[in-house]
Amino acid sequence: MGSLPHVVEDCFGLLKLYSDGSISRNPEIPCATPLLNDDSVLHKDLLFDANHNLHLRLYKPSSASLTKLPILFYFHGGGFCFGSRSFPHFHNLSIRLATAFNVLVITPDYRLAPEHRLPAAIDDACLALKWLQGQAMHGNNENMDTWLTGVDFDRVFVLGDSSGGNLAHHLAVRFEAGSIELAPVRVRGYLLLAPFFGGSVRTMTEEEQPCETFWNLEMYDRFWRLSIPAGNTLDHPLVNPFGPCSQSLAEVPLDPILVVVGGGEILRDRVEDYARRLKHLGKKIEFVEFEGEQHGFFTDHPFSEVAEKVIQHIRDFILENSN
């Protein structure tokens, strides 16, 4: 008689992968953050992909007119293995974004690994933008959601945090600057907060600073083992945008990009290298580092003093690229 299945990957006891390929998830949300709900922002959920039962959440300032209100997509983090629009810290950040910029925030879910390895999440992110295009093409008929009537489809920004930042990068490449593929939707820029990239060659911060207060390099490696296509390495193009097999971005027209990272992050050098390489290729990209801050500093504490500085950088980026 064969041996019983045993755990081969364990993420905080909340996600376990067994030797027979089976997976178990703890239904508890791995976040102790209190859920913020007040009257300043209204929100509701909509189905955007019936095939995979994927929903998104709309947030709008309760006092704002929807006439010509810009749109901000927010793709959450979680190492491609965790996360939902309903997680308290993602929900709270969406409220913060809606009020700070007076925008309609759209927070889509996407399929998670290891049940759905990459490129599933990227495919779902693309579908979310195509859903918005479908809404825009309805005009003002009965098929358009009322919250989207009158919003400014010509001023859309995409923000991604951690693995969501990885998604934002691939969306920027997939829907090139000036592309008519999303028309009448027009993405004006992408905001990458500590984008989750990897590579087989370690950076200096990965080698010399492999631990933060909570995050460590082994955790990141585990998330990659669970999310990348089976049998691939950390130089897979969906992991390493400048790996040996990755598409050359030299001739790819990209919309403006803002990259934000904490100076105390394990990912710090990899993120800076990403921004530096794009700048060398002549892309319009801004790199902002917050000294000493660790991974998730903005997402986990969106009302902190340093978060206000991030907000100001994002506000300047949106204003600069809105015309």
C-alpha atoms as a PDB file:
ATOM      1  CA  MET A   1       0.000   0.000   0.000  1.00  0.00           C
ATOM      2  CA  GLY A   2       1.368   3.406  -0.995  1.00  0.00           C
ATOM      3  CA  SER A   3       2.203   6.137   1.467  1.00  0.00           C
ATOM      4  CA  LEU A   4      -0.299   8.828   2.331  1.00  0.00           C
ATOM      5  CA  PRO A   5       0.059  12.231   0.655  1.00  0.00           C
ATOM      6  CA  HIS A   6       2.362  14.575   2.525  1.00  0.00           C
ATOM      7  CA  VAL A   7       2.744  18.359   2.491  1.00  0.00           C
ATOM      8  CA  VAL A   8       5.347  19.616   0.016  1.00  0.00           C
ATOM      9  CA  GLU A   9       4.559  23.359   0.233  1.00  0.00           C
ATOM     10  CA  ASP A  10       3.026  25.182   3.197  1.00  0.00           C
ATOM     11  CA  CYS A  11       2.143  28.888   3.099  1.00  0.00           C
ATOM     12  CA  PHE A  12       1.517  30.016   6.684  1.00  0.00           C
ATOM     13  CA  GLY A  13      -0.768  27.031   7.253  1.00  0.00           C
ATOM     14  CA  LEU A  14      -3.335  28.775   5.046  1.00  0.00           C
ATOM     15  CA  LEU A  15      -2.398  27.053   1.787  1.00  0.00           C
ATOM     16  CA  LYS A  16      -0.952  23.557   1.526  1.00  0.00           C
ATOM     17  CA  LEU A  17       0.151  21.641  -1.543  1.00  0.00           C
ATOM     18  CA  TYR A  18       0.398  17.864  -1.118  1.00  0.00           C
ATOM     19  CA  SER A  19       2.610  15.306  -2.828  1.00  0.00           C
ATOM     20  CA  ASP A  20      -0.337  13.942  -4.827  1.00  0.00           C
ATOM     21  CA  GLY A  21      -1.069  17.404  -6.247  1.00  0.00           C
ATOM     22  CA  SER A  22      -4.068  18.060  -4.044  1.00  0.00           C
ATOM     23  CA  ILE A  23      -4.475  21.474  -2.399  1.00  0.00           C
ATOM     24  CA  SER A  24      -6.137  22.668   0.771  1.00  0.00           C
ATOM     25  CA  ARG A  25      -6.949  26.234   1.739  1.00  0.00           C
ATOM     26  CA  ASN A  26      -7.895  27.542   5.150  1.00  0.00           C
ATOM     27  CA  PRO A  27     -11.025  29.694   4.707  1.00  0.00           C
ATOM     28  CA  GLU A  28      -9.744  32.274   7.181  1.00  0.00           C
ATOM     29  CA  ILE A  29      -8.550  35.568   5.699  1.00  0.00           C
ATOM     30  CA  PRO A  30      -4.817  35.972   6.470  1.00  0.00           C
ATOM     31  CA  CYS A  31      -5.206  39.599   7.539  1.00  0.00           C
ATOM     32  CA  ALA A  32      -5.949  41.074  10.958  1.00  0.00           C
ATOM     33  CA  THR A  33      -6.614  44.569   9.587  1.00  0.00           C
ATOM     34  CA  PRO A  34      -9.977  46.029  10.694  1.00  0.00           C
ATOM     35  CA  LEU A  35     -12.364  46.514   7.794  1.00  0.00           C
ATOM     36  CA  LEU A  36     -12.943  50.181   7.036  1.00  0.00           C
ATOM     37  CA  ASN A  37     -16.487  51.144   6.142  1.00  0.00           C
ATOM     38  CA  ASP A  38     -17.842  54.660   6.226  1.00  0.00           C
ATOM     39  CA  ASP A  39     -20.163  56.842   4.194  1.00  0.00           C
ATOM     40  CA  SER A  40     -17.416  58.608   2.251  1.00  0.00           C
ATOM     41  CA  VAL A  41     -17.139  55.836  -0.356  1.00  0.00           C
ATOM     42  CA  LEU A  42     -19.796  53.533  -1.771  1.00  0.00           C
ATOM     43  CA  HIS A  43     -18.936  50.137  -3.215  1.00  0.00           C
ATOM     44  CA  LYS A  44     -20.610  47.244  -4.995  1.00  0.00           C
ATOM     45  CA  ASP A  45     -19.580  43.981  -6.652  1.00  0.00           C
ATOM     46  CA  LEU A  46     -20.109  42.932 -10.254  1.00  0.00           C
ATOM     47  CA  LEU A  47     -19.410  39.748 -12.215  1.00  0.00           C
ATOM     48  CA  PHE A  48     -16.933  40.387 -15.032  1.00  0.00           C
ATOM     49  CA  ASP A  49     -16.064  36.827 -16.137  1.00  0.00           C
ATOM     50  CA  ALA A  50     -18.837  34.256 -15.917  1.00  0.00           C
ATOM     51  CA  ASN A  51     -16.588  31.464 -17.221  1.00  0.00           C
ATOM     52  CA  HIS A  52     -14.392  31.618 -14.116  1.00  0.00           C
ATOM     53  CA  ASN A  53     -16.897  33.254 -11.752  1.00  0.00           C
ATOM     54  CA  LEU A  54     -14.666  36.294 -11.299  1.00  0.00           C
ATOM     55  CA  HIS A  55     -15.956  39.466  -9.713  1.00  0.00           C
ATOM     56  CA  LEU A  56     -14.710  42.992  -9.335  1.00  0.00           C
ATOM     57  CA  ARG A  57     -15.602  45.751  -6.906  1.00  0.00           C
ATOM     58  CA  LEU A  58     -16.417  49.327  -7.812  1.00  0.00           C
ATOM     59  CA  TYR A  59     -15.697  52.171  -5.379  1.00  0.00           C
ATOM     60  CA  LYS A  60     -16.937  55.721  -5.846  1.00  0.00           C
ATOM     61  CA  PRO A  61     -16.784  58.752  -3.547  1.00  0.00           C
ATOM     62  CA  SER A  62     -20.315  59.276  -2.266  1.00  0.00           C
ATOM     63  CA  SER A  63     -20.143  63.053  -2.712  1.00  0.00           C
ATOM     64  CA  ALA A  64     -18.697  62.964  -6.244  1.00  0.00           C
ATOM     65  CA  SER A  65     -20.507  63.322  -9.502  1.00  0.00           C
ATOM     66  CA  LEU A  66     -19.649  60.517 -11.898  1.00  0.00           C
ATOM     67  CA  THR A  67     -19.449  62.972 -14.766  1.00  0.00           C
ATOM     68  CA  LYS A  68     -15.959  62.705 -16.242  1.00  0.00           C
ATOM     69  CA  LEU A  69     -14.658  60.899 -13.153  1.00  0.00           C
ATOM     70  CA  PRO A  70     -11.317  59.204 -13.989  1.00  0.00           C
ATOM     71  CA  ILE A  71     -10.945  55.447 -13.481  1.00  0.00           C
ATOM     72  CA  LEU A  72      -8.241  53.712 -11.441  1.00  0.00           C
ATOM     73  CA  PHE A  73      -7.809  49.951 -11.724  1.00  0.00           C
ATOM     74  CA  TYR A  74      -6.235  48.405  -8.623  1.00  0.00           C
ATOM     75  CA  PHE A  75      -4.761  44.897  -8.871  1.00  0.00           C
ATOM     76  CA  HIS A  76      -4.042  43.468  -5.423  1.00  0.00           C
ATOM     77  CA  GLY A  77      -0.966  41.559  -4.308  1.00  0.00           C
ATOM     78  CA  GLY A  78      -0.574  38.198  -2.588  1.00  0.00           C
ATOM     79  CA  GLY A  79       2.204  36.424  -4.470  1.00  0.00           C
ATOM     80  CA  PHE A  80      -0.356  35.190  -7.020  1.00  0.00           C
ATOM     81  CA  CYS A  81      -1.466  32.708  -4.341  1.00  0.00           C
ATOM     82  CA  PHE A  82      -3.609  34.801  -1.991  1.00  0.00           C
ATOM     83  CA  GLY A  83      -5.883  37.779  -2.180  1.00  0.00           C
ATOM     84  CA  SER A  84      -9.316  39.046  -3.058  1.00  0.00           C
ATOM     85  CA  ARG A  85     -11.074  42.363  -3.438  1.00  0.00           C
ATOM     86  CA  SER A  86     -12.732  41.573  -0.089  1.00  0.00           C
ATOM     87  CA  PHE A  87      -9.509  41.283   1.953  1.00  0.00           C
ATOM     88  CA  PRO A  88      -9.614  44.123   4.508  1.00  0.00           C
ATOM     89  CA  HIS A  89      -6.301  45.781   3.633  1.00  0.00           C
ATOM     90  CA  PHE A  90      -7.092  45.729  -0.100  1.00  0.00           C
ATOM     91  CA  HIS A  91     -10.598  47.034   0.565  1.00  0.00           C
ATOM     92  CA  ASN A  92      -9.246  49.795   2.808  1.00  0.00           C
ATOM     93  CA  LEU A  93      -6.649  50.827   0.246  1.00  0.00           C
ATOM     94  CA  SER A  94      -9.335  51.020  -2.437  1.00  0.00           C
ATOM     95  CA  ILE A  95     -11.303  53.412  -0.229  1.00  0.00           C
ATOM     96  CA  ARG A  96      -8.166  55.468   0.320  1.00  0.00           C
ATOM     97  CA  LEU A  97      -7.500  55.664  -3.420  1.00  0.00           C
ATOM     98  CA  ALA A  98     -11.077  56.646  -4.251  1.00  0.00           C
ATOM     99  CA  THR A  99     -11.104  59.519  -1.777  1.00  0.00           C
ATOM    100  CA  ALA A 100      -7.524  60.687  -2.359  1.00  0.00           C
ATOM    101  CA  PHE A 101      -7.904  61.076  -6.122  1.00  0.00           C
ATOM    102  CA  ASN A 102     -11.661  61.466  -6.538  1.00  0.00           C
ATOM    103  CA  VAL A 103     -11.763  58.533  -8.952  1.00  0.00           C
ATOM    104  CA  LEU A 104     -13.845  55.467  -9.623  1.00  0.00           C
ATOM    105  CA  VAL A 105     -11.726  52.552  -8.359  1.00  0.00           C
ATOM    106  CA  ILE A 106     -12.144  49.126  -9.950  1.00  0.00           C
ATOM    107  CA  THR A 107     -10.642  46.221  -7.989  1.00  0.00           C
ATOM    108  CA  PRO A 108     -10.808  42.915  -9.903  1.00  0.00           C
ATOM    109  CA  ASP A 109     -10.181  39.458  -8.541  1.00  0.00           C
ATOM    110  CA  TYR A 110      -8.085  37.010 -10.544  1.00  0.00           C
ATOM    111  CA  ARG A 111      -7.534  33.268 -10.385  1.00  0.00           C
ATOM    112  CA  LEU A 112      -4.964  32.160  -7.837  1.00  0.00           C
ATOM    113  CA  ALA A 113      -2.124  29.658  -7.883  1.00  0.00           C
ATOM    114  CA  PRO A 114      -1.343  26.837  -7.457  1.00  0.00           C
ATOM    115  CA  GLU A 115      -4.836  25.844  -8.613  1.00  0.00           C
ATOM    116  CA  HIS A 116      -4.375  28.236 -11.527  1.00  0.00           C
ATOM    117  CA  ARG A 117      -0.751  28.908 -12.345  1.00  0.00           C
ATOM    118  CA  LEU A 118       0.445  31.782 -14.467  1.00  0.00           C
ATOM    119  CA  PRO A 119      -0.536  33.047 -16.985  1.00  0.00           C
ATOM    120  CA  ALA A 120      -4.064  32.628 -15.548  1.00  0.00           C
ATOM    121  CA  ALA A 121      -3.817  35.805 -13.437  1.00  0.00           C
ATOM    122  CA  ILE A 122      -2.520  37.827 -16.381  1.00  0.00           C
ATOM    123  CA  ASP A 123      -5.282  36.507 -18.635  1.00  0.00           C
ATOM    124  CA  ASP A 124      -7.848  37.540 -16.013  1.00  0.00           C
ATOM    125  CA  ALA A 125      -6.323  41.010 -15.660  1.00  0.00           C
ATOM    126  CA  CYS A 126      -6.625  41.450 -19.421  1.00  0.00           C
ATOM    127  CA  LEU A 127     -10.253  40.308 -19.260  1.00  0.00           C
ATOM    128  CA  ALA A 128     -10.971  42.920 -16.589  1.00  0.00           C
ATOM    129  CA  LEU A 129      -9.754  45.703 -18.878  1.00  0.00           C
ATOM    130  CA  LYS A 130     -11.700  44.201 -21.787  1.00  0.00           C
ATOM    131  CA  TRP A 131     -14.783  44.159 -19.539  1.00  0.00           C
ATOM    132  CA  LEU A 132     -14.373  47.913 -19.059  1.00  0.00           C
ATOM    133  CA  GLN A 133     -14.061  48.315 -22.805  1.00  0.00           C
ATOM    134  CA  GLY A 134     -17.308  46.398 -23.224  1.00  0.00           C
ATOM    135  CA  GLN A 135     -19.007  48.738 -20.786  1.00  0.00           C
ATOM    136  CA  ALA A 136     -17.669  51.769 -22.623  1.00  0.00           C
ATOM    137  CA  MET A 137     -18.911  50.446 -25.961  1.00  0.00           C
ATOM    138  CA  HIS A 138     -22.433  50.099 -24.571  1.00  0.00           C
ATOM    139  CA  GLY A 139     -22.651  53.885 -24.420  1.00  0.00           C
ATOM    140  CA  ASN A 140     -25.559  54.869 -22.239  1.00  0.00           C
ATOM    141  CA  ASN A 141     -27.839  51.954 -23.082  1.00  0.00           C
ATOM    142  CA  GLU A 142     -29.359  49.570 -20.576  1.00  0.00           C
ATOM    143  CA  ASN A 143     -26.372  47.178 -20.712  1.00  0.00           C
ATOM    144  CA  MET A 144     -23.999  49.675 -19.087  1.00  0.00           C
ATOM    145  CA  ASP A 145     -23.773  49.657 -15.322  1.00  0.00           C
ATOM    146  CA  THR A 146     -25.181  52.902 -13.956  1.00  0.00           C
ATOM    147  CA  TRP A 147     -21.993  53.608 -11.984  1.00  0.00           C
ATOM    148  CA  LEU A 148     -20.100  53.822 -15.272  1.00  0.00           C
ATOM    149  CA  THR A 149     -22.457  56.246 -16.945  1.00  0.00           C
ATOM    150  CA  GLY A 150     -20.563  59.450 -17.601  1.00  0.00           C
ATOM    151  CA  VAL A 151     -17.133  58.357 -16.268  1.00  0.00           C
ATOM    152  CA  ASP A 152     -14.087  59.362 -18.272  1.00  0.00           C
ATOM    153  CA  PHE A 153     -13.051  56.272 -20.232  1.00  0.00           C
ATOM    154  CA  ASP A 154     -10.310  58.402 -21.769  1.00  0.00           C
ATOM    155  CA  ARG A 155      -8.518  58.737 -18.410  1.00  0.00           C
ATOM    156  CA  VAL A 156      -7.804  55.273 -17.020  1.00  0.00           C
ATOM    157  CA  PHE A 157      -4.840  54.435 -14.806  1.00  0.00           C
ATOM    158  CA  VAL A 158      -3.704  50.980 -13.695  1.00  0.00           C
ATOM    159  CA  LEU A 159      -2.154  50.470 -10.257  1.00  0.00           C
ATOM    160  CA  GLY A 160      -0.728  47.163  -9.105  1.00  0.00           C
ATOM    161  CA  ASP A 161       0.809  46.222  -5.774  1.00  0.00           C
ATOM    162  CA  SER A 162       3.412  43.413  -5.470  1.00  0.00           C
ATOM    163  CA  SER A 163       2.109  40.590  -7.690  1.00  0.00           C
ATOM    164  CA  GLY A 164      -0.459  43.126  -8.893  1.00  0.00           C
ATOM    165  CA  GLY A 165       2.500  45.275  -9.953  1.00  0.00           C
ATOM    166  CA  ASN A 166       3.757  42.347 -12.003  1.00  0.00           C
ATOM    167  CA  LEU A 167       0.312  42.202 -13.640  1.00  0.00           C
ATOM    168  CA  ALA A 168       0.418  45.940 -14.327  1.00  0.00           C
ATOM    169  CA  HIS A 169       3.739  45.540 -16.130  1.00  0.00           C
ATOM    170  CA  HIS A 170       2.415  42.780 -18.355  1.00  0.00           C
ATOM    171  CA  LEU A 171      -0.731  44.783 -19.081  1.00  0.00           C
ATOM    172  CA  ALA A 172       1.432  47.730 -20.146  1.00  0.00           C
ATOM    173  CA  VAL A 173       3.287  45.442 -22.556  1.00  0.00           C
ATOM    174  CA  ARG A 174       0.144  43.658 -23.743  1.00  0.00           C
ATOM    175  CA  PHE A 175      -1.799  46.879 -24.413  1.00  0.00           C
ATOM    176  CA  GLU A 176       0.913  49.048 -25.902  1.00  0.00           C
ATOM    177  CA  ALA A 177       0.836  52.849 -25.750  1.00  0.00           C
ATOM    178  CA  GLY A 178      -1.468  54.231 -28.386  1.00  0.00           C
ATOM    179  CA  SER A 179      -3.063  50.826 -28.967  1.00  0.00           C
ATOM    180  CA  ILE A 180      -6.635  50.890 -30.237  1.00  0.00           C
ATOM    181  CA  GLU A 181      -7.282  47.409 -28.829  1.00  0.00           C
ATOM    182  CA  LEU A 182      -9.058  48.851 -25.772  1.00  0.00           C
ATOM    183  CA  ALA A 183     -10.777  51.768 -27.558  1.00  0.00           C
ATOM    184  CA  PRO A 184     -12.698  53.781 -26.480  1.00  0.00           C
ATOM    185  CA  VAL A 185     -10.891  53.065 -23.193  1.00  0.00           C
ATOM    186  CA  ARG A 186      -7.565  54.897 -22.980  1.00  0.00           C
ATOM    187  CA  VAL A 187      -4.999  53.887 -20.366  1.00  0.00           C
ATOM    188  CA  ARG A 188      -2.862  56.912 -19.499  1.00  0.00           C
ATOM    189  CA  GLY A 189      -0.304  55.317 -17.207  1.00  0.00           C
ATOM    190  CA  TYR A 190       0.701  52.434 -14.964  1.00  0.00           C
ATOM    191  CA  LEU A 191       1.678  52.581 -11.300  1.00  0.00           C
ATOM    192  CA  LEU A 192       3.761  49.680  -9.965  1.00  0.00           C
ATOM    193  CA  LEU A 193       4.100  49.438  -6.182  1.00  0.00           C
ATOM    194  CA  ALA A 194       6.999  47.095  -5.315  1.00  0.00           C
ATOM    195  CA  PRO A 195       6.282  44.870  -8.327  1.00  0.00           C
ATOM    196  CA  PHE A 196       6.892  41.181  -7.667  1.00  0.00           C
ATOM    197  CA  PHE A 197       9.594  40.120 -10.120  1.00  0.00           C
ATOM    198  CA  GLY A 198      12.205  37.386  -9.829  1.00  0.00           C
ATOM    199  CA  GLY A 199      15.225  35.909 -11.543  1.00  0.00           C
ATOM    200  CA  SER A 200      17.693  33.056 -11.260  1.00  0.00           C
ATOM    201  CA  VAL A 201      20.572  35.462 -10.549  1.00  0.00           C
ATOM    202  CA  ARG A 202      20.203  36.971  -7.080  1.00  0.00           C
ATOM    203  CA  THR A 203      20.416  40.707  -6.556  1.00  0.00           C
ATOM    204  CA  MET A 204      22.494  42.267  -3.795  1.00  0.00           C
ATOM    205  CA  THR A 205      19.483  42.927  -1.540  1.00  0.00           C
ATOM    206  CA  GLU A 206      18.271  39.360  -2.061  1.00  0.00           C
ATOM    207  CA  GLU A 207      21.680  38.019  -1.006  1.00  0.00           C
ATOM    208  CA  GLU A 208      22.595  40.480   1.734  1.00  0.00           C
ATOM    209  CA  GLN A 209      19.132  41.339   3.086  1.00  0.00           C
ATOM    210  CA  PRO A 210      17.071  38.168   2.689  1.00  0.00           C
ATOM    211  CA  CYS A 211      14.740  39.039   5.588  1.00  0.00           C
ATOM    212  CA  GLU A 212      12.386  41.850   6.482  1.00  0.00           C
ATOM    213  CA  THR A 213      10.251  42.036   9.615  1.00  0.00           C
ATOM    214  CA  PHE A 214       7.734  39.663   8.049  1.00  0.00           C
ATOM    215  CA  TRP A 215       8.813  38.824   4.497  1.00  0.00           C
ATOM    216  CA  ASN A 216      11.845  36.756   3.599  1.00  0.00           C
ATOM    217  CA  LEU A 217      13.400  35.435   0.426  1.00  0.00           C
ATOM    218  CA  GLU A 218      12.280  31.873   1.090  1.00  0.00           C
ATOM    219  CA  MET A 219       8.656  33.072   1.121  1.00  0.00           C
ATOM    220  CA  TYR A 220       9.108  34.754  -2.241  1.00  0.00           C
ATOM    221  CA  ASP A 221      10.708  31.613  -3.677  1.00  0.00           C
ATOM    222  CA  ARG A 222       7.804  29.545  -2.372  1.00  0.00           C
ATOM    223  CA  PHE A 223       5.259  31.817  -4.035  1.00  0.00           C
ATOM    224  CA  TRP A 224       7.132  31.477  -7.314  1.00  0.00           C
ATOM    225  CA  ARG A 225       7.309  27.674  -7.019  1.00  0.00           C
ATOM    226  CA  LEU A 226       3.550  27.636  -6.564  1.00  0.00           C
ATOM    227  CA  SER A 227       2.658  30.119  -9.301  1.00  0.00           C
ATOM    228  CA  ILE A 228       4.995  29.799 -12.288  1.00  0.00           C
ATOM    229  CA  PRO A 229       4.134  27.328 -15.058  1.00  0.00           C
ATOM    230  CA  ALA A 230       5.222  23.846 -13.988  1.00  0.00           C
ATOM    231  CA  GLY A 231       8.751  22.896 -14.953  1.00  0.00           C
ATOM    232  CA  ASN A 232       9.941  26.488 -15.446  1.00  0.00           C
ATOM    233  CA  THR A 233      12.567  28.579 -13.670  1.00  0.00           C
ATOM    234  CA  LEU A 234      12.740  32.056 -12.165  1.00  0.00           C
ATOM    235  CA  ASP A 235      13.841  33.328 -15.568  1.00  0.00           C
ATOM    236  CA  HIS A 236      10.436  32.610 -17.068  1.00  0.00           C
ATOM    237  CA  PRO A 237       9.283  35.783 -18.918  1.00  0.00           C
ATOM    238  CA  LEU A 238       6.303  36.175 -16.569  1.00  0.00           C
ATOM    239  CA  VAL A 239       8.718  36.246 -13.620  1.00  0.00           C
ATOM    240  CA  ASN A 240      11.750  38.044 -15.022  1.00  0.00           C
ATOM    241  CA  PRO A 241      10.865  40.757 -17.577  1.00  0.00           C
ATOM    242  CA  PHE A 242      14.535  41.005 -18.573  1.00  0.00           C
ATOM    243  CA  GLY A 243      15.422  37.316 -18.487  1.00  0.00           C
ATOM    244  CA  PRO A 244      17.243  35.434 -21.263  1.00  0.00           C
ATOM    245  CA  CYS A 245      13.964  34.281 -22.826  1.00  0.00           C
ATOM    246  CA  SER A 246      11.972  37.475 -22.258  1.00  0.00           C
ATOM    247  CA  GLN A 247      10.606  39.657 -25.005  1.00  0.00           C
ATOM    248  CA  SER A 248      12.790  42.630 -25.905  1.00  0.00           C
ATOM    249  CA  LEU A 249      11.003  45.811 -24.853  1.00  0.00           C
ATOM    250  CA  ALA A 250      13.199  48.110 -26.918  1.00  0.00           C
ATOM    251  CA  GLU A 251      10.611  48.517 -29.679  1.00  0.00           C
ATOM    252  CA  VAL A 252       7.518  48.177 -27.485  1.00  0.00           C
ATOM    253  CA  PRO A 253       5.800  51.557 -26.962  1.00  0.00           C
ATOM    254  CA  LEU A 254       4.829  51.822 -23.296  1.00  0.00           C
ATOM    255  CA  ASP A 255       2.563  54.254 -21.519  1.00  0.00           C
ATOM    256  CA  PRO A 256       4.190  56.257 -18.681  1.00  0.00           C
ATOM    257  CA  ILE A 257       5.111  54.194 -15.628  1.00  0.00           C
ATOM    258  CA  LEU A 258       5.622  55.150 -11.981  1.00  0.00           C
ATOM    259  CA  VAL A 259       7.549  52.632  -9.867  1.00  0.00           C
ATOM    260  CA  VAL A 260       7.539  52.833  -6.048  1.00  0.00           C
ATOM    261  CA  VAL A 261       9.582  50.670  -3.688  1.00  0.00           C
ATOM    262  CA  GLY A 262      10.686  50.672  -0.065  1.00  0.00           C
ATOM    263  CA  GLY A 263      14.405  51.021   0.601  1.00  0.00           C
ATOM    264  CA  GLY A 264      14.236  48.194   3.137  1.00  0.00           C
ATOM    265  CA  GLU A 265      12.642  45.680   0.786  1.00  0.00           C
ATOM    266  CA  ILE A 266      14.223  42.448  -0.348  1.00  0.00           C
ATOM    267  CA  LEU A 267      12.889  43.326  -3.802  1.00  0.00           C
ATOM    268  CA  ARG A 268      14.463  46.786  -3.777  1.00  0.00           C
ATOM    269  CA  ASP A 269      17.405  46.146  -6.147  1.00  0.00           C
ATOM    270  CA  ARG A 270      15.356  44.066  -8.565  1.00  0.00           C
ATOM    271  CA  VAL A 271      12.721  46.785  -8.814  1.00  0.00           C
ATOM    272  CA  GLU A 272      15.319  49.519  -9.302  1.00  0.00           C
ATOM    273  CA  ASP A 273      17.018  47.434 -12.016  1.00  0.00           C
ATOM    274  CA  TYR A 274      13.663  47.098 -13.789  1.00  0.00           C
ATOM    275  CA  ALA A 275      13.157  50.873 -13.771  1.00  0.00           C
ATOM    276  CA  ARG A 276      16.755  51.565 -14.801  1.00  0.00           C
ATOM    277  CA  ARG A 277      16.592  49.198 -17.761  1.00  0.00           C
ATOM    278  CA  LEU A 278      13.337  50.717 -19.021  1.00  0.00           C
ATOM    279  CA  LYS A 279      14.755  54.221 -18.659  1.00  0.00           C
ATOM    280  CA  HIS A 280      17.832  53.133 -20.642  1.00  0.00           C
ATOM    281  CA  LEU A 281      15.457  51.981 -23.392  1.00  0.00           C
ATOM    282  CA  GLY A 282      13.997  55.482 -23.538  1.00  0.00           C
ATOM    283  CA  LYS A 283      10.717  54.709 -21.771  1.00  0.00           C
ATOM    284  CA  LYS A 284       8.958  57.361 -19.710  1.00  0.00           C
ATOM    285  CA  ILE A 285       9.429  55.934 -16.223  1.00  0.00           C
ATOM    286  CA  GLU A 286       9.836  57.429 -12.770  1.00  0.00           C
ATOM    287  CA  PHE A 287      11.435  55.530  -9.880  1.00  0.00           C
ATOM    288  CA  VAL A 288      10.676  56.539  -6.290  1.00  0.00           C
ATOM    289  CA  GLU A 289      12.271  54.906  -3.248  1.00  0.00           C
ATOM    290  CA  PHE A 290      11.132  55.377   0.345  1.00  0.00           C
ATOM    291  CA  GLU A 291      14.116  54.904   2.604  1.00  0.00           C
ATOM    292  CA  GLY A 292      13.842  52.127   5.175  1.00  0.00           C
ATOM    293  CA  GLU A 293      10.292  51.079   4.255  1.00  0.00           C
ATOM    294  CA  GLN A 294       9.470  47.392   3.878  1.00  0.00           C
ATOM    295  CA  HIS A 295       7.229  45.415   1.562  1.00  0.00           C
ATOM    296  CA  GLY A 296       3.564  46.383   1.813  1.00  0.00           C
ATOM    297  CA  PHE A 297       4.191  49.629   3.689  1.00  0.00           C
ATOM    298  CA  PHE A 298       1.628  51.513   1.609  1.00  0.00           C
ATOM    299  CA  THR A 299      -0.962  48.746   1.256  1.00  0.00           C
ATOM    300  CA  ASP A 300      -0.915  47.758   4.927  1.00  0.00           C
ATOM    301  CA  HIS A 301      -0.907  51.341   6.247  1.00  0.00           C
ATOM    302  CA  PRO A 302      -2.634  53.523   3.637  1.00  0.00           C
ATOM    303  CA  PHE A 303      -3.357  56.338   6.108  1.00  0.00           C
ATOM    304  CA  SER A 304       0.166  56.640   7.539  1.00  0.00           C
ATOM    305  CA  GLU A 305       2.451  59.656   7.154  1.00  0.00           C
ATOM    306  CA  VAL A 306       4.623  57.928   4.559  1.00  0.00           C
ATOM    307  CA  ALA A 307       1.500  56.776   2.698  1.00  0.00           C
ATOM    308  CA  GLU A 308       0.557  60.414   2.260  1.00  0.00           C
ATOM    309  CA  LYS A 309       3.878  60.945   0.466  1.00  0.00           C
ATOM    310  CA  VAL A 310       3.102  58.015  -1.833  1.00  0.00           C
ATOM    311  CA  ILE A 311      -0.319  59.533  -2.475  1.00  0.00           C
ATOM    312  CA  GLN A 312       1.309  62.805  -3.511  1.00  0.00           C
ATOM    313  CA  HIS A 313       3.608  61.061  -6.001  1.00  0.00           C
ATOM    314  CA  ILE A 314       0.652  59.191  -7.474  1.00  0.00           C
ATOM    315  CA  ARG A 315      -1.404  62.391  -7.634  1.00  0.00           C
ATOM    316  CA  ASP A 316       1.389  64.198  -9.499  1.00  0.00           C
ATOM    317  CA  PHE A 317       1.728  61.254 -11.901  1.00  0.00           C
ATOM    318  CA  ILE A 318      -1.995  61.205 -12.639  1.00  0.00           C
ATOM    319  CA  LEU A 319      -2.154  64.968 -13.194  1.00  0.00           C
ATOM    320  CA  GLU A 320       0.911  64.962 -15.431  1.00  0.00           C
ATOM    321  CA  ASN A 321      -0.439  62.171 -17.638  1.00  0.00           C
ATOM    322  CA  SER A 322      -4.130  63.043 -17.774  1.00  0.00           C
ATOM    323  CA  ASN A 323      -3.957  65.209 -20.890  1.00  0.00           C
END
